[in-house]
Amino acid sequence: MTKLPRLTAAELIKFLNKNGYNLNRQEGSHKIFRHPVYGRATVPDHAGKTIHPKIIKEIMVSMGLTLEKFLSLL
């Protein structure tokens, strides 16, 4: 079984922007993105650190994506 990728905040933000999410607001180091269909996604933006796979999975599930589809969109 394929594991979830390790992404930095910058990589995840680039993925969200490419897939229709827009930055709605920021609270401290957490950026909150909105999508008209999929809703909200919160990304902790700590420079150079990788995002925990659980956060990536939550975003993937909220978008209704399988792991294979998610990987193909990266």
N, C-alpha and C. Protein backbone atom coordinates (compact mmCIF):
# COMPACT_ATOMS: atom_id res chain seq x y z
N MET A 1 0.84 -1.19 0.00
CA MET A 1 0.00 0.00 0.00
C MET A 1 0.88 1.25 0.00
N THR A 2 0.52 2.20 -0.79
CA THR A 2 1.26 3.45 -0.90
C THR A 2 0.99 4.33 0.32
N LYS A 3 2.04 4.92 0.84
CA LYS A 3 1.89 5.82 1.98
C LYS A 3 1.61 7.23 1.50
N LEU A 4 1.05 8.01 2.40
CA LEU A 4 0.83 9.43 2.10
C LEU A 4 2.17 10.12 1.94
N PRO A 5 2.26 11.06 1.02
CA PRO A 5 3.54 11.75 0.82
C PRO A 5 3.84 12.71 1.97
N ARG A 6 5.11 12.96 2.17
CA ARG A 6 5.54 13.98 3.12
C ARG A 6 5.65 15.28 2.34
N LEU A 7 4.86 16.26 2.72
CA LEU A 7 4.86 17.55 2.03
C LEU A 7 5.19 18.66 3.01
N THR A 8 5.84 19.69 2.51
CA THR A 8 6.04 20.89 3.32
C THR A 8 4.78 21.74 3.19
N ALA A 9 4.68 22.76 4.01
CA ALA A 9 3.52 23.65 3.94
C ALA A 9 3.46 24.32 2.57
N ALA A 10 4.60 24.73 2.04
CA ALA A 10 4.62 25.41 0.73
C ALA A 10 4.11 24.48 -0.36
N GLU A 11 4.48 23.21 -0.32
CA GLU A 11 4.03 22.24 -1.33
C GLU A 11 2.53 22.01 -1.21
N LEU A 12 2.03 21.89 0.02
CA LEU A 12 0.60 21.67 0.23
C LEU A 12 -0.21 22.90 -0.19
N ILE A 13 0.28 24.08 0.11
CA ILE A 13 -0.40 25.32 -0.30
C ILE A 13 -0.44 25.42 -1.82
N LYS A 14 0.64 25.07 -2.48
CA LYS A 14 0.68 25.08 -3.95
C LYS A 14 -0.36 24.10 -4.51
N PHE A 15 -0.47 22.92 -3.90
CA PHE A 15 -1.46 21.92 -4.32
C PHE A 15 -2.87 22.46 -4.14
N LEU A 16 -3.15 23.09 -3.00
CA LEU A 16 -4.49 23.62 -2.75
C LEU A 16 -4.84 24.73 -3.74
N ASN A 17 -3.91 25.64 -3.98
CA ASN A 17 -4.16 26.72 -4.94
C ASN A 17 -4.43 26.18 -6.33
N LYS A 18 -3.68 25.17 -6.73
CA LYS A 18 -3.83 24.56 -8.05
C LYS A 18 -5.19 23.88 -8.20
N ASN A 19 -5.79 23.47 -7.07
CA ASN A 19 -7.05 22.74 -7.11
C ASN A 19 -8.24 23.56 -6.62
N GLY A 20 -8.16 24.88 -6.75
CA GLY A 20 -9.32 25.73 -6.53
C GLY A 20 -9.51 26.32 -5.14
N TYR A 21 -8.57 26.09 -4.23
CA TYR A 21 -8.67 26.68 -2.90
C TYR A 21 -8.08 28.08 -2.93
N ASN A 22 -8.66 28.98 -2.14
CA ASN A 22 -8.15 30.34 -2.02
C ASN A 22 -7.91 30.65 -0.56
N LEU A 23 -6.83 31.39 -0.28
CA LEU A 23 -6.54 31.78 1.09
C LEU A 23 -7.65 32.68 1.59
N ASN A 24 -8.29 32.27 2.67
CA ASN A 24 -9.40 33.02 3.24
C ASN A 24 -8.90 33.96 4.33
N ARG A 25 -8.07 33.41 5.22
CA ARG A 25 -7.53 34.22 6.32
C ARG A 25 -6.35 33.48 6.94
N GLN A 26 -5.69 34.15 7.87
CA GLN A 26 -4.57 33.54 8.56
C GLN A 26 -4.66 33.89 10.03
N GLU A 27 -4.43 32.89 10.87
CA GLU A 27 -4.37 33.10 12.32
C GLU A 27 -3.03 32.59 12.80
N GLY A 28 -2.13 33.49 13.09
CA GLY A 28 -0.78 33.09 13.49
C GLY A 28 -0.10 32.38 12.34
N SER A 29 0.35 31.14 12.61
CA SER A 29 1.04 30.39 11.56
C SER A 29 0.10 29.45 10.80
N HIS A 30 -1.19 29.53 11.07
CA HIS A 30 -2.16 28.66 10.40
C HIS A 30 -2.90 29.43 9.31
N LYS A 31 -2.80 28.91 8.08
CA LYS A 31 -3.50 29.53 6.95
C LYS A 31 -4.77 28.73 6.67
N ILE A 32 -5.88 29.44 6.56
CA ILE A 32 -7.18 28.81 6.34
C ILE A 32 -7.60 29.09 4.90
N PHE A 33 -7.78 28.00 4.15
CA PHE A 33 -8.17 28.08 2.75
C PHE A 33 -9.62 27.66 2.60
N ARG A 34 -10.29 28.21 1.61
CA ARG A 34 -11.69 27.85 1.32
C ARG A 34 -11.83 27.41 -0.13
N HIS A 35 -12.72 26.46 -0.32
CA HIS A 35 -13.09 25.99 -1.66
C HIS A 35 -14.60 26.04 -1.73
N PRO A 36 -15.19 26.48 -2.85
CA PRO A 36 -16.65 26.60 -2.93
C PRO A 36 -17.40 25.28 -2.76
N VAL A 37 -16.77 24.16 -3.09
CA VAL A 37 -17.43 22.86 -2.98
C VAL A 37 -16.93 22.07 -1.77
N TYR A 38 -15.61 21.99 -1.60
CA TYR A 38 -15.02 21.12 -0.58
C TYR A 38 -14.92 21.74 0.80
N GLY A 39 -15.11 23.05 0.91
CA GLY A 39 -15.09 23.68 2.22
C GLY A 39 -13.71 24.18 2.63
N ARG A 40 -13.42 24.02 3.91
CA ARG A 40 -12.24 24.63 4.51
C ARG A 40 -11.09 23.64 4.66
N ALA A 41 -9.87 24.15 4.52
CA ALA A 41 -8.66 23.38 4.78
C ALA A 41 -7.70 24.28 5.54
N THR A 42 -7.20 23.81 6.66
CA THR A 42 -6.27 24.58 7.47
C THR A 42 -4.88 23.98 7.34
N VAL A 43 -3.91 24.84 7.04
CA VAL A 43 -2.53 24.39 6.86
C VAL A 43 -1.64 25.11 7.86
N PRO A 44 -0.95 24.36 8.75
CA PRO A 44 0.03 24.99 9.64
C PRO A 44 1.27 25.34 8.83
N ASP A 45 1.60 26.61 8.73
CA ASP A 45 2.69 27.07 7.88
C ASP A 45 3.93 27.36 8.72
N HIS A 46 4.67 26.30 9.04
CA HIS A 46 5.92 26.42 9.77
C HIS A 46 7.05 26.20 8.77
N ALA A 47 7.83 27.22 8.53
CA ALA A 47 8.84 27.20 7.46
C ALA A 47 9.75 25.97 7.55
N GLY A 48 9.82 25.25 6.43
CA GLY A 48 10.75 24.13 6.31
C GLY A 48 10.32 22.83 6.96
N LYS A 49 9.24 22.84 7.72
CA LYS A 49 8.79 21.61 8.39
C LYS A 49 7.78 20.88 7.54
N THR A 50 7.75 19.56 7.69
CA THR A 50 6.79 18.77 6.92
C THR A 50 5.45 18.73 7.65
N ILE A 51 4.40 18.59 6.87
CA ILE A 51 3.04 18.52 7.40
C ILE A 51 2.77 17.08 7.83
N HIS A 52 2.15 16.90 8.97
CA HIS A 52 1.82 15.56 9.46
C HIS A 52 0.88 14.87 8.47
N PRO A 53 1.11 13.59 8.18
CA PRO A 53 0.26 12.87 7.22
C PRO A 53 -1.23 12.89 7.57
N LYS A 54 -1.56 13.00 8.85
CA LYS A 54 -2.96 13.05 9.27
C LYS A 54 -3.66 14.30 8.69
N ILE A 55 -2.97 15.42 8.66
CA ILE A 55 -3.54 16.65 8.10
C ILE A 55 -3.73 16.50 6.60
N ILE A 56 -2.75 15.90 5.93
CA ILE A 56 -2.86 15.67 4.49
C ILE A 56 -4.04 14.74 4.21
N LYS A 57 -4.21 13.71 5.03
CA LYS A 57 -5.32 12.77 4.84
C LYS A 57 -6.67 13.46 5.05
N GLU A 58 -6.78 14.33 6.04
CA GLU A 58 -8.03 15.06 6.28
C GLU A 58 -8.41 15.91 5.07
N ILE A 59 -7.44 16.57 4.47
CA ILE A 59 -7.71 17.39 3.28
C ILE A 59 -8.11 16.50 2.12
N MET A 60 -7.40 15.38 1.96
CA MET A 60 -7.68 14.44 0.88
C MET A 60 -9.11 13.89 1.00
N VAL A 61 -9.51 13.51 2.19
CA VAL A 61 -10.86 12.97 2.42
C VAL A 61 -11.92 14.05 2.20
N SER A 62 -11.65 15.28 2.65
CA SER A 62 -12.63 16.36 2.47
C SER A 62 -12.85 16.66 0.99
N MET A 63 -11.83 16.40 0.16
CA MET A 63 -11.95 16.61 -1.27
C MET A 63 -12.57 15.41 -1.97
N GLY A 64 -12.79 14.32 -1.23
CA GLY A 64 -13.38 13.13 -1.82
C GLY A 64 -12.42 12.38 -2.73
N LEU A 65 -11.12 12.46 -2.44
CA LEU A 65 -10.12 11.84 -3.29
C LEU A 65 -9.61 10.53 -2.71
N THR A 66 -9.31 9.59 -3.59
CA THR A 66 -8.60 8.39 -3.18
C THR A 66 -7.11 8.74 -3.14
N LEU A 67 -6.33 7.89 -2.52
CA LEU A 67 -4.89 8.14 -2.43
C LEU A 67 -4.27 8.21 -3.83
N GLU A 68 -4.69 7.32 -4.71
CA GLU A 68 -4.14 7.30 -6.06
C GLU A 68 -4.46 8.59 -6.81
N LYS A 69 -5.71 9.06 -6.69
CA LYS A 69 -6.12 10.30 -7.36
C LYS A 69 -5.37 11.49 -6.77
N PHE A 70 -5.23 11.51 -5.45
CA PHE A 70 -4.50 12.59 -4.78
C PHE A 70 -3.06 12.65 -5.30
N LEU A 71 -2.41 11.50 -5.37
CA LEU A 71 -1.02 11.46 -5.84
C LEU A 71 -0.90 11.90 -7.29
N SER A 72 -1.91 11.57 -8.10
CA SER A 72 -1.85 11.97 -9.50
C SER A 72 -2.02 13.49 -9.67
N LEU A 73 -2.70 14.13 -8.73
CA LEU A 73 -2.90 15.59 -8.80
C LEU A 73 -1.69 16.38 -8.30
N LEU A 74 -0.81 15.72 -7.56
CA LEU A 74 0.39 16.41 -7.06
C LEU A 74 1.24 16.73 -8.21
